[in-house]
Amino acid sequence: MLAWLLREAIALRAAALALILGGALGNLLDRVRMGVVTDFIDLHLGEAHFPTFNLADTAITVGVVLMMFGAWRGDNRSAT
């Protein structure tokens, strides 16, 4: 994934890859250092309770959404 990121010419896709890779590395670092990934953001909206997550999970999710947006928009030019 890092090799793909380093060759990516489309800024949106590069940002998405950076977020996904950064989030994955953040979760990996927590797993290696502490043995667990600590989730600390707990959201409620009325009676609805959303799954607890952390900042790394947020980065991965935003990265995937950006990738999907780029694909929907038609950013299918190949990387240089």
C-alpha atoms as a PDB file:
ATOM      1  CA  MET A   1       0.000   0.000   0.000  1.00  0.00           C
ATOM      2  CA  LEU A   2       2.917   2.343   0.727  1.00  0.00           C
ATOM      3  CA  ALA A   3       4.334   1.711  -2.746  1.00  0.00           C
ATOM      4  CA  TRP A   4       0.938   2.555  -4.249  1.00  0.00           C
ATOM      5  CA  LEU A   5       0.771   5.740  -2.170  1.00  0.00           C
ATOM      6  CA  LEU A   6       4.244   6.842  -3.258  1.00  0.00           C
ATOM      7  CA  ARG A   7       3.361   6.388  -6.968  1.00  0.00           C
ATOM      8  CA  GLU A   8      -0.145   7.851  -6.810  1.00  0.00           C
ATOM      9  CA  ALA A   9      -0.622  10.949  -8.974  1.00  0.00           C
ATOM     10  CA  ILE A  10      -4.232  11.734  -8.051  1.00  0.00           C
ATOM     11  CA  ALA A  11      -4.293  13.892  -4.917  1.00  0.00           C
ATOM     12  CA  LEU A  12      -7.653  12.630  -3.628  1.00  0.00           C
ATOM     13  CA  ARG A  13      -6.602   9.003  -3.937  1.00  0.00           C
ATOM     14  CA  ALA A  14      -3.211   9.758  -2.337  1.00  0.00           C
ATOM     15  CA  ALA A  15      -4.942  11.436   0.618  1.00  0.00           C
ATOM     16  CA  ALA A  16      -7.312   8.484   0.970  1.00  0.00           C
ATOM     17  CA  LEU A  17      -4.436   5.993   0.909  1.00  0.00           C
ATOM     18  CA  ALA A  18      -2.496   8.051   3.471  1.00  0.00           C
ATOM     19  CA  LEU A  19      -5.490   8.066   5.821  1.00  0.00           C
ATOM     20  CA  ILE A  20      -6.060   4.321   5.446  1.00  0.00           C
ATOM     21  CA  LEU A  21      -2.375   3.499   5.916  1.00  0.00           C
ATOM     22  CA  GLY A  22      -1.988   5.907   8.844  1.00  0.00           C
ATOM     23  CA  GLY A  23      -5.052   4.520  10.596  1.00  0.00           C
ATOM     24  CA  ALA A  24      -3.933   0.937  10.073  1.00  0.00           C
ATOM     25  CA  LEU A  25      -0.446   1.717  11.395  1.00  0.00           C
ATOM     26  CA  GLY A  26      -1.944   3.526  14.393  1.00  0.00           C
ATOM     27  CA  ASN A  27      -4.054   0.505  15.284  1.00  0.00           C
ATOM     28  CA  LEU A  28      -1.061  -1.794  14.723  1.00  0.00           C
ATOM     29  CA  LEU A  29       1.125   0.340  16.999  1.00  0.00           C
ATOM     30  CA  ASP A  30      -1.499   0.175  19.766  1.00  0.00           C
ATOM     31  CA  ARG A  31      -1.766  -3.591  19.315  1.00  0.00           C
ATOM     32  CA  VAL A  32       2.022  -4.059  19.522  1.00  0.00           C
ATOM     33  CA  ARG A  33       2.609  -1.637  22.420  1.00  0.00           C
ATOM     34  CA  MET A  34      -0.400  -2.407  24.612  1.00  0.00           C
ATOM     35  CA  GLY A  35      -1.729  -5.697  23.266  1.00  0.00           C
ATOM     36  CA  VAL A  36      -5.115  -4.100  22.529  1.00  0.00           C
ATOM     37  CA  VAL A  37      -6.518  -1.295  20.429  1.00  0.00           C
ATOM     38  CA  THR A  38      -8.159   1.194  22.773  1.00  0.00           C
ATOM     39  CA  ASP A  39     -11.464   2.578  21.541  1.00  0.00           C
ATOM     40  CA  PHE A  40     -12.480   5.750  23.334  1.00  0.00           C
ATOM     41  CA  ILE A  41     -15.002   7.687  21.247  1.00  0.00           C
ATOM     42  CA  ASP A  42     -18.494   6.655  22.338  1.00  0.00           C
ATOM     43  CA  LEU A  43     -21.402   8.398  20.602  1.00  0.00           C
ATOM     44  CA  HIS A  44     -25.089   8.460  21.449  1.00  0.00           C
ATOM     45  CA  LEU A  45     -27.890  10.141  19.532  1.00  0.00           C
ATOM     46  CA  GLY A  46     -31.110   9.915  21.478  1.00  0.00           C
ATOM     47  CA  GLU A  47     -31.677   6.213  22.059  1.00  0.00           C
ATOM     48  CA  ALA A  48     -29.227   5.215  19.312  1.00  0.00           C
ATOM     49  CA  HIS A  49     -25.804   4.018  20.420  1.00  0.00           C
ATOM     50  CA  PHE A  50     -23.060   3.805  17.817  1.00  0.00           C
ATOM     51  CA  PRO A  51     -20.113   1.391  18.053  1.00  0.00           C
ATOM     52  CA  THR A  52     -17.186   2.759  20.051  1.00  0.00           C
ATOM     53  CA  PHE A  53     -14.174   3.703  17.926  1.00  0.00           C
ATOM     54  CA  ASN A  54     -10.866   5.553  17.986  1.00  0.00           C
ATOM     55  CA  LEU A  55      -9.160   8.176  15.833  1.00  0.00           C
ATOM     56  CA  ALA A  56      -7.354   5.543  13.743  1.00  0.00           C
ATOM     57  CA  ASP A  57     -10.696   3.918  12.892  1.00  0.00           C
ATOM     58  CA  THR A  58     -11.990   7.342  11.857  1.00  0.00           C
ATOM     59  CA  ALA A  59      -9.001   7.891   9.545  1.00  0.00           C
ATOM     60  CA  ILE A  60      -9.532   4.497   7.895  1.00  0.00           C
ATOM     61  CA  THR A  61     -13.244   5.174   7.413  1.00  0.00           C
ATOM     62  CA  VAL A  62     -12.694   8.651   5.958  1.00  0.00           C
ATOM     63  CA  GLY A  63     -10.008   7.240   3.644  1.00  0.00           C
ATOM     64  CA  VAL A  64     -12.346   4.540   2.349  1.00  0.00           C
ATOM     65  CA  VAL A  65     -15.132   7.088   1.810  1.00  0.00           C
ATOM     66  CA  LEU A  66     -12.716   9.308  -0.147  1.00  0.00           C
ATOM     67  CA  MET A  67     -11.662   6.330  -2.295  1.00  0.00           C
ATOM     68  CA  MET A  68     -15.298   5.518  -3.008  1.00  0.00           C
ATOM     69  CA  PHE A  69     -16.042   9.161  -3.821  1.00  0.00           C
ATOM     70  CA  GLY A  70     -13.107   9.263  -6.243  1.00  0.00           C
ATOM     71  CA  ALA A  71     -14.284   6.075  -7.934  1.00  0.00           C
ATOM     72  CA  TRP A  72     -17.845   7.407  -8.169  1.00  0.00           C
ATOM     73  CA  ARG A  73     -16.532  10.700  -9.569  1.00  0.00           C
ATOM     74  CA  GLY A  74     -14.574   8.828 -12.199  1.00  0.00           C
ATOM     75  CA  ASP A  75     -10.981   9.338 -11.010  1.00  0.00           C
ATOM     76  CA  ASN A  76      -9.808   6.202 -12.792  1.00  0.00           C
ATOM     77  CA  ARG A  77      -6.687   7.562 -14.427  1.00  0.00           C
ATOM     78  CA  SER A  78      -3.763   5.259 -13.790  1.00  0.00           C
ATOM     79  CA  ALA A  79      -0.979   6.253 -11.431  1.00  0.00           C
ATOM     80  CA  THR A  80       2.260   7.487 -12.932  1.00  0.00           C
END
